[in-house]
Amino acid sequence: MSLPLTLDEKDKVADIIRILFSDNTIERKKAHINQQTIVALEMALNAIDKCNHDMKILITQLVGGSALISKG
């Protein structure tokens, strides 16, 4: 069992949610932020990181492919 989040921790989590999801209503919901919120936020950050990595690979492949087409 983990300890309840401090107000400072809830503020920081709310800031991250506000930035990532443009959620301006999070201020009213801050009292409900808990460990489950953090787990969900970590999952979202991991998904964003994977998407970013996959997009870098895709763009590299597209740029490489366009170079072959222009030469060929």
PDB file of N, CA and C in Angstrom:
ATOM      1  N   MET A   1       0.849  -1.182   0.000  1.00  0.00           N
ATOM      2  CA  MET A   1       0.000   0.000   0.000  1.00  0.00           C
ATOM      3  C   MET A   1       0.889   1.238   0.000  1.00  0.00           C
ATOM      4  N   SER A   2       0.570   2.171  -0.844  1.00  0.00           N
ATOM      5  CA  SER A   2       1.376   3.384  -0.929  1.00  0.00           C
ATOM      6  C   SER A   2       0.697   4.532  -0.185  1.00  0.00           C
ATOM      7  N   LEU A   3       1.512   5.500   0.142  1.00  0.00           N
ATOM      8  CA  LEU A   3       1.008   6.666   0.856  1.00  0.00           C
ATOM      9  C   LEU A   3       0.190   7.545  -0.077  1.00  0.00           C
ATOM     10  N   PRO A   4      -0.780   8.291   0.479  1.00  0.00           N
ATOM     11  CA  PRO A   4      -1.531   9.236  -0.359  1.00  0.00           C
ATOM     12  C   PRO A   4      -0.585  10.305  -0.917  1.00  0.00           C
ATOM     13  N   LEU A   5      -0.935  10.838  -2.061  1.00  0.00           N
ATOM     14  CA  LEU A   5      -0.115  11.870  -2.684  1.00  0.00           C
ATOM     15  C   LEU A   5      -0.235  13.182  -1.918  1.00  0.00           C
ATOM     16  N   THR A   6       0.874  13.905  -1.852  1.00  0.00           N
ATOM     17  CA  THR A   6       0.852  15.225  -1.229  1.00  0.00           C
ATOM     18  C   THR A   6       0.214  16.222  -2.196  1.00  0.00           C
ATOM     19  N   LEU A   7      -0.135  17.374  -1.694  1.00  0.00           N
ATOM     20  CA  LEU A   7      -0.704  18.414  -2.555  1.00  0.00           C
ATOM     21  C   LEU A   7       0.287  18.841  -3.638  1.00  0.00           C
ATOM     22  N   ASP A   8       1.572  18.903  -3.282  1.00  0.00           N
ATOM     23  CA  ASP A   8       2.600  19.261  -4.257  1.00  0.00           C
ATOM     24  C   ASP A   8       2.681  18.220  -5.368  1.00  0.00           C
ATOM     25  N   GLU A   9       2.619  16.945  -5.001  1.00  0.00           N
ATOM     26  CA  GLU A   9       2.651  15.876  -6.002  1.00  0.00           C
ATOM     27  C   GLU A   9       1.429  15.943  -6.914  1.00  0.00           C
ATOM     28  N   LYS A  10       0.266  16.211  -6.323  1.00  0.00           N
ATOM     29  CA  LYS A  10      -0.956  16.341  -7.125  1.00  0.00           C
ATOM     30  C   LYS A  10      -0.848  17.524  -8.081  1.00  0.00           C
ATOM     31  N   ASP A  11      -0.260  18.625  -7.609  1.00  0.00           N
ATOM     32  CA  ASP A  11      -0.050  19.791  -8.473  1.00  0.00           C
ATOM     33  C   ASP A  11       0.827  19.437  -9.670  1.00  0.00           C
ATOM     34  N   LYS A  12       1.895  18.700  -9.418  1.00  0.00           N
ATOM     35  CA  LYS A  12       2.822  18.330 -10.487  1.00  0.00           C
ATOM     36  C   LYS A  12       2.163  17.384 -11.490  1.00  0.00           C
ATOM     37  N   VAL A  13       1.408  16.415 -10.997  1.00  0.00           N
ATOM     38  CA  VAL A  13       0.696  15.500 -11.888  1.00  0.00           C
ATOM     39  C   VAL A  13      -0.337  16.282 -12.710  1.00  0.00           C
ATOM     40  N   ALA A  14      -1.043  17.184 -12.064  1.00  0.00           N
ATOM     41  CA  ALA A  14      -2.035  18.007 -12.773  1.00  0.00           C
ATOM     42  C   ALA A  14      -1.369  18.845 -13.857  1.00  0.00           C
ATOM     43  N   ASP A  15      -0.196  19.383 -13.582  1.00  0.00           N
ATOM     44  CA  ASP A  15       0.543  20.163 -14.586  1.00  0.00           C
ATOM     45  C   ASP A  15       0.880  19.305 -15.805  1.00  0.00           C
ATOM     46  N   ILE A  16       1.334  18.081 -15.559  1.00  0.00           N
ATOM     47  CA  ILE A  16       1.676  17.198 -16.673  1.00  0.00           C
ATOM     48  C   ILE A  16       0.432  16.877 -17.497  1.00  0.00           C
ATOM     49  N   ILE A  17      -0.665  16.571 -16.819  1.00  0.00           N
ATOM     50  CA  ILE A  17      -1.916  16.268 -17.527  1.00  0.00           C
ATOM     51  C   ILE A  17      -2.373  17.478 -18.334  1.00  0.00           C
ATOM     52  N   ARG A  18      -2.289  18.661 -17.746  1.00  0.00           N
ATOM     53  CA  ARG A  18      -2.701  19.886 -18.438  1.00  0.00           C
ATOM     54  C   ARG A  18      -1.870  20.095 -19.703  1.00  0.00           C
ATOM     55  N   ILE A  19      -0.564  19.866 -19.615  1.00  0.00           N
ATOM     56  CA  ILE A  19       0.320  20.062 -20.762  1.00  0.00           C
ATOM     57  C   ILE A  19       0.074  19.009 -21.831  1.00  0.00           C
ATOM     58  N   LEU A  20       0.016  17.746 -21.435  1.00  0.00           N
ATOM     59  CA  LEU A  20      -0.122  16.660 -22.411  1.00  0.00           C
ATOM     60  C   LEU A  20      -1.472  16.655 -23.116  1.00  0.00           C
ATOM     61  N   PHE A  21      -2.520  16.875 -22.371  1.00  0.00           N
ATOM     62  CA  PHE A  21      -3.861  16.693 -22.905  1.00  0.00           C
ATOM     63  C   PHE A  21      -4.647  17.991 -23.048  1.00  0.00           C
ATOM     64  N   SER A  22      -4.005  19.131 -22.820  1.00  0.00           N
ATOM     65  CA  SER A  22      -4.682  20.430 -22.885  1.00  0.00           C
ATOM     66  C   SER A  22      -5.967  20.421 -22.057  1.00  0.00           C
ATOM     67  N   ASP A  23      -5.866  19.823 -20.885  1.00  0.00           N
ATOM     68  CA  ASP A  23      -7.035  19.685 -20.014  1.00  0.00           C
ATOM     69  C   ASP A  23      -7.048  20.808 -18.983  1.00  0.00           C
ATOM     70  N   ASN A  24      -7.842  21.818 -19.261  1.00  0.00           N
ATOM     71  CA  ASN A  24      -7.928  22.947 -18.336  1.00  0.00           C
ATOM     72  C   ASN A  24      -8.899  22.686 -17.194  1.00  0.00           C
ATOM     73  N   THR A  25      -9.595  21.549 -17.235  1.00  0.00           N
ATOM     74  CA  THR A  25     -10.530  21.221 -16.162  1.00  0.00           C
ATOM     75  C   THR A  25      -9.860  20.414 -15.053  1.00  0.00           C
ATOM     76  N   ILE A  26      -8.589  20.056 -15.232  1.00  0.00           N
ATOM     77  CA  ILE A  26      -7.910  19.214 -14.255  1.00  0.00           C
ATOM     78  C   ILE A  26      -7.825  19.874 -12.882  1.00  0.00           C
ATOM     79  N   GLU A  27      -7.825  21.183 -12.854  1.00  0.00           N
ATOM     80  CA  GLU A  27      -7.742  21.901 -11.570  1.00  0.00           C
ATOM     81  C   GLU A  27      -8.906  21.509 -10.657  1.00  0.00           C
ATOM     82  N   ARG A  28     -10.087  21.363 -11.241  1.00  0.00           N
ATOM     83  CA  ARG A  28     -11.263  20.988 -10.442  1.00  0.00           C
ATOM     84  C   ARG A  28     -11.221  19.527 -10.014  1.00  0.00           C
ATOM     85  N   LYS A  29     -10.451  18.711 -10.719  1.00  0.00           N
ATOM     86  CA  LYS A  29     -10.396  17.272 -10.460  1.00  0.00           C
ATOM     87  C   LYS A  29      -9.157  16.873  -9.652  1.00  0.00           C
ATOM     88  N   LYS A  30      -8.348  17.847  -9.286  1.00  0.00           N
ATOM     89  CA  LYS A  30      -7.063  17.565  -8.645  1.00  0.00           C
ATOM     90  C   LYS A  30      -7.205  16.744  -7.364  1.00  0.00           C
ATOM     91  N   ALA A  31      -8.273  16.930  -6.628  1.00  0.00           N
ATOM     92  CA  ALA A  31      -8.470  16.203  -5.371  1.00  0.00           C
ATOM     93  C   ALA A  31      -8.603  14.703  -5.600  1.00  0.00           C
ATOM     94  N   HIS A  32      -8.964  14.308  -6.826  1.00  0.00           N
ATOM     95  CA  HIS A  32      -9.176  12.896  -7.137  1.00  0.00           C
ATOM     96  C   HIS A  32      -7.943  12.220  -7.730  1.00  0.00           C
ATOM     97  N   ILE A  33      -6.863  12.956  -7.890  1.00  0.00           N
ATOM     98  CA  ILE A  33      -5.625  12.363  -8.414  1.00  0.00           C
ATOM     99  C   ILE A  33      -5.066  11.406  -7.367  1.00  0.00           C
ATOM    100  N   ASN A  34      -4.753  10.187  -7.826  1.00  0.00           N
ATOM    101  CA  ASN A  34      -4.233   9.174  -6.902  1.00  0.00           C
ATOM    102  C   ASN A  34      -3.209   8.303  -7.628  1.00  0.00           C
ATOM    103  N   GLN A  35      -2.836   7.193  -7.012  1.00  0.00           N
ATOM    104  CA  GLN A  35      -1.838   6.298  -7.602  1.00  0.00           C
ATOM    105  C   GLN A  35      -2.315   5.738  -8.942  1.00  0.00           C
ATOM    106  N   GLN A  36      -3.609   5.475  -9.077  1.00  0.00           N
ATOM    107  CA  GLN A  36      -4.141   4.982 -10.354  1.00  0.00           C
ATOM    108  C   GLN A  36      -3.955   6.028 -11.454  1.00  0.00           C
ATOM    109  N   THR A  37      -4.082   7.284 -11.099  1.00  0.00           N
ATOM    110  CA  THR A  37      -3.850   8.361 -12.053  1.00  0.00           C
ATOM    111  C   THR A  37      -2.409   8.327 -12.531  1.00  0.00           C
ATOM    112  N   ILE A  38      -1.488   8.116 -11.602  1.00  0.00           N
ATOM    113  CA  ILE A  38      -0.071   8.082 -11.951  1.00  0.00           C
ATOM    114  C   ILE A  38       0.233   6.891 -12.851  1.00  0.00           C
ATOM    115  N   VAL A  39      -0.356   5.733 -12.556  1.00  0.00           N
ATOM    116  CA  VAL A  39      -0.152   4.553 -13.410  1.00  0.00           C
ATOM    117  C   VAL A  39      -0.668   4.844 -14.821  1.00  0.00           C
ATOM    118  N   ALA A  40      -1.848   5.419 -14.930  1.00  0.00           N
ATOM    119  CA  ALA A  40      -2.413   5.742 -16.242  1.00  0.00           C
ATOM    120  C   ALA A  40      -1.550   6.775 -16.968  1.00  0.00           C
ATOM    121  N   LEU A  41      -1.040   7.745 -16.237  1.00  0.00           N
ATOM    122  CA  LEU A  41      -0.181   8.768 -16.831  1.00  0.00           C
ATOM    123  C   LEU A  41       1.127   8.155 -17.324  1.00  0.00           C
ATOM    124  N   GLU A  42       1.697   7.241 -16.551  1.00  0.00           N
ATOM    125  CA  GLU A  42       2.922   6.551 -16.985  1.00  0.00           C
ATOM    126  C   GLU A  42       2.667   5.749 -18.261  1.00  0.00           C
ATOM    127  N   MET A  43       1.524   5.096 -18.340  1.00  0.00           N
ATOM    128  CA  MET A  43       1.179   4.336 -19.546  1.00  0.00           C
ATOM    129  C   MET A  43       1.042   5.278 -20.749  1.00  0.00           C
ATOM    130  N   ALA A  44       0.421   6.416 -20.535  1.00  0.00           N
ATOM    131  CA  ALA A  44       0.261   7.395 -21.617  1.00  0.00           C
ATOM    132  C   ALA A  44       1.620   7.923 -22.066  1.00  0.00           C
ATOM    133  N   LEU A  45       2.501   8.222 -21.124  1.00  0.00           N
ATOM    134  CA  LEU A  45       3.833   8.712 -21.476  1.00  0.00           C
ATOM    135  C   LEU A  45       4.636   7.661 -22.231  1.00  0.00           C
ATOM    136  N   ASN A  46       4.504   6.395 -21.835  1.00  0.00           N
ATOM    137  CA  ASN A  46       5.183   5.318 -22.552  1.00  0.00           C
ATOM    138  C   ASN A  46       4.640   5.180 -23.969  1.00  0.00           C
ATOM    139  N   ALA A  47       3.328   5.309 -24.135  1.00  0.00           N
ATOM    140  CA  ALA A  47       2.722   5.226 -25.463  1.00  0.00           C
ATOM    141  C   ALA A  47       3.177   6.397 -26.337  1.00  0.00           C
ATOM    142  N   ILE A  48       3.269   7.583 -25.758  1.00  0.00           N
ATOM    143  CA  ILE A  48       3.745   8.752 -26.500  1.00  0.00           C
ATOM    144  C   ILE A  48       5.196   8.552 -26.921  1.00  0.00           C
ATOM    145  N   ASP A  49       6.012   8.022 -26.024  1.00  0.00           N
ATOM    146  CA  ASP A  49       7.422   7.766 -26.326  1.00  0.00           C
ATOM    147  C   ASP A  49       7.556   6.750 -27.459  1.00  0.00           C
ATOM    148  N   LYS A  50       6.777   5.674 -27.416  1.00  0.00           N
ATOM    149  CA  LYS A  50       6.829   4.659 -28.469  1.00  0.00           C
ATOM    150  C   LYS A  50       6.372   5.247 -29.800  1.00  0.00           C
ATOM    151  N   CYS A  51       5.307   6.025 -29.775  1.00  0.00           N
ATOM    152  CA  CYS A  51       4.810   6.667 -30.996  1.00  0.00           C
ATOM    153  C   CYS A  51       5.875   7.583 -31.584  1.00  0.00           C
ATOM    154  N   ASN A  52       6.528   8.361 -30.747  1.00  0.00           N
ATOM    155  CA  ASN A  52       7.582   9.263 -31.201  1.00  0.00           C
ATOM    156  C   ASN A  52       8.712   8.471 -31.854  1.00  0.00           C
ATOM    157  N   HIS A  53       9.114   7.375 -31.228  1.00  0.00           N
ATOM    158  CA  HIS A  53      10.172   6.522 -31.770  1.00  0.00           C
ATOM    159  C   HIS A  53       9.757   5.945 -33.125  1.00  0.00           C
ATOM    160  N   ASP A  54       8.529   5.442 -33.194  1.00  0.00           N
ATOM    161  CA  ASP A  54       8.031   4.865 -34.445  1.00  0.00           C
ATOM    162  C   ASP A  54       7.934   5.908 -35.555  1.00  0.00           C
ATOM    163  N   MET A  55       7.542   7.127 -35.207  1.00  0.00           N
ATOM    164  CA  MET A  55       7.457   8.198 -36.208  1.00  0.00           C
ATOM    165  C   MET A  55       8.845   8.565 -36.733  1.00  0.00           C
ATOM    166  N   LYS A  56       9.846   8.565 -35.866  1.00  0.00           N
ATOM    167  CA  LYS A  56      11.219   8.843 -36.306  1.00  0.00           C
ATOM    168  C   LYS A  56      11.679   7.788 -37.316  1.00  0.00           C
ATOM    169  N   ILE A  57      11.375   6.533 -37.032  1.00  0.00           N
ATOM    170  CA  ILE A  57      11.743   5.458 -37.954  1.00  0.00           C
ATOM    171  C   ILE A  57      11.007   5.631 -39.282  1.00  0.00           C
ATOM    172  N   LEU A  58       9.715   5.901 -39.225  1.00  0.00           N
ATOM    173  CA  LEU A  58       8.927   6.087 -40.436  1.00  0.00           C
ATOM    174  C   LEU A  58       9.458   7.236 -41.282  1.00  0.00           C
ATOM    175  N   ILE A  59       9.745   8.360 -40.660  1.00  0.00           N
ATOM    176  CA  ILE A  59      10.246   9.518 -41.401  1.00  0.00           C
ATOM    177  C   ILE A  59      11.604   9.208 -42.021  1.00  0.00           C
ATOM    178  N   THR A  60      12.459   8.524 -41.272  1.00  0.00           N
ATOM    179  CA  THR A  60      13.768   8.136 -41.818  1.00  0.00           C
ATOM    180  C   THR A  60      13.597   7.246 -43.037  1.00  0.00           C
ATOM    181  N   GLN A  61      12.687   6.297 -42.956  1.00  0.00           N
ATOM    182  CA  GLN A  61      12.438   5.397 -44.079  1.00  0.00           C
ATOM    183  C   GLN A  61      11.846   6.145 -45.267  1.00  0.00           C
ATOM    184  N   LEU A  62      10.932   7.059 -44.997  1.00  0.00           N
ATOM    185  CA  LEU A  62      10.330   7.829 -46.093  1.00  0.00           C
ATOM    186  C   LEU A  62      11.351   8.708 -46.788  1.00  0.00           C
ATOM    187  N   VAL A  63      12.204   9.357 -46.012  1.00  0.00           N
ATOM    188  CA  VAL A  63      13.246  10.208 -46.591  1.00  0.00           C
ATOM    189  C   VAL A  63      14.213   9.358 -47.389  1.00  0.00           C
ATOM    190  N   GLY A  64      14.603   8.208 -46.865  1.00  0.00           N
ATOM    191  CA  GLY A  64      15.486   7.302 -47.577  1.00  0.00           C
ATOM    192  C   GLY A  64      14.851   6.785 -48.849  1.00  0.00           C
ATOM    193  N   GLY A  65      13.577   6.462 -48.812  1.00  0.00           N
ATOM    194  CA  GLY A  65      12.866   5.979 -49.987  1.00  0.00           C
ATOM    195  C   GLY A  65      12.713   7.037 -51.044  1.00  0.00           C
ATOM    196  N   SER A  66      12.480   8.268 -50.636  1.00  0.00           N
ATOM    197  CA  SER A  66      12.347   9.336 -51.623  1.00  0.00           C
ATOM    198  C   SER A  66      13.679   9.617 -52.315  1.00  0.00           C
ATOM    199  N   ALA A  67      14.771   9.396 -51.625  1.00  0.00           N
ATOM    200  CA  ALA A  67      16.089   9.582 -52.235  1.00  0.00           C
ATOM    201  C   ALA A  67      16.307   8.520 -53.311  1.00  0.00           C
ATOM    202  N   LEU A  68      15.846   7.301 -53.051  1.00  0.00           N
ATOM    203  CA  LEU A  68      15.983   6.244 -54.049  1.00  0.00           C
ATOM    204  C   LEU A  68      15.123   6.511 -55.285  1.00  0.00           C
ATOM    205  N   ILE A  69      13.928   7.026 -55.055  1.00  0.00           N
ATOM    206  CA  ILE A  69      13.030   7.321 -56.177  1.00  0.00           C
ATOM    207  C   ILE A  69      13.606   8.440 -57.039  1.00  0.00           C
ATOM    208  N   SER A  70      14.169   9.444 -56.416  1.00  0.00           N
ATOM    209  CA  SER A  70      14.697  10.563 -57.205  1.00  0.00           C
ATOM    210  C   SER A  70      15.944  10.158 -57.976  1.00  0.00           C
ATOM    211  N   LYS A  71      16.683   9.167 -57.501  1.00  0.00           N
ATOM    212  CA  LYS A  71      17.870   8.684 -58.214  1.00  0.00           C
ATOM    213  C   LYS A  71      17.496   7.710 -59.318  1.00  0.00           C
ATOM    214  N   GLY A  72      16.413   6.970 -59.094  1.00  0.00           N
ATOM    215  CA  GLY A  72      16.070   5.862 -59.972  1.00  0.00           C
ATOM    216  C   GLY A  72      15.307   6.224 -61.168  1.00  0.00           C
TER     217      GLY A  72
END
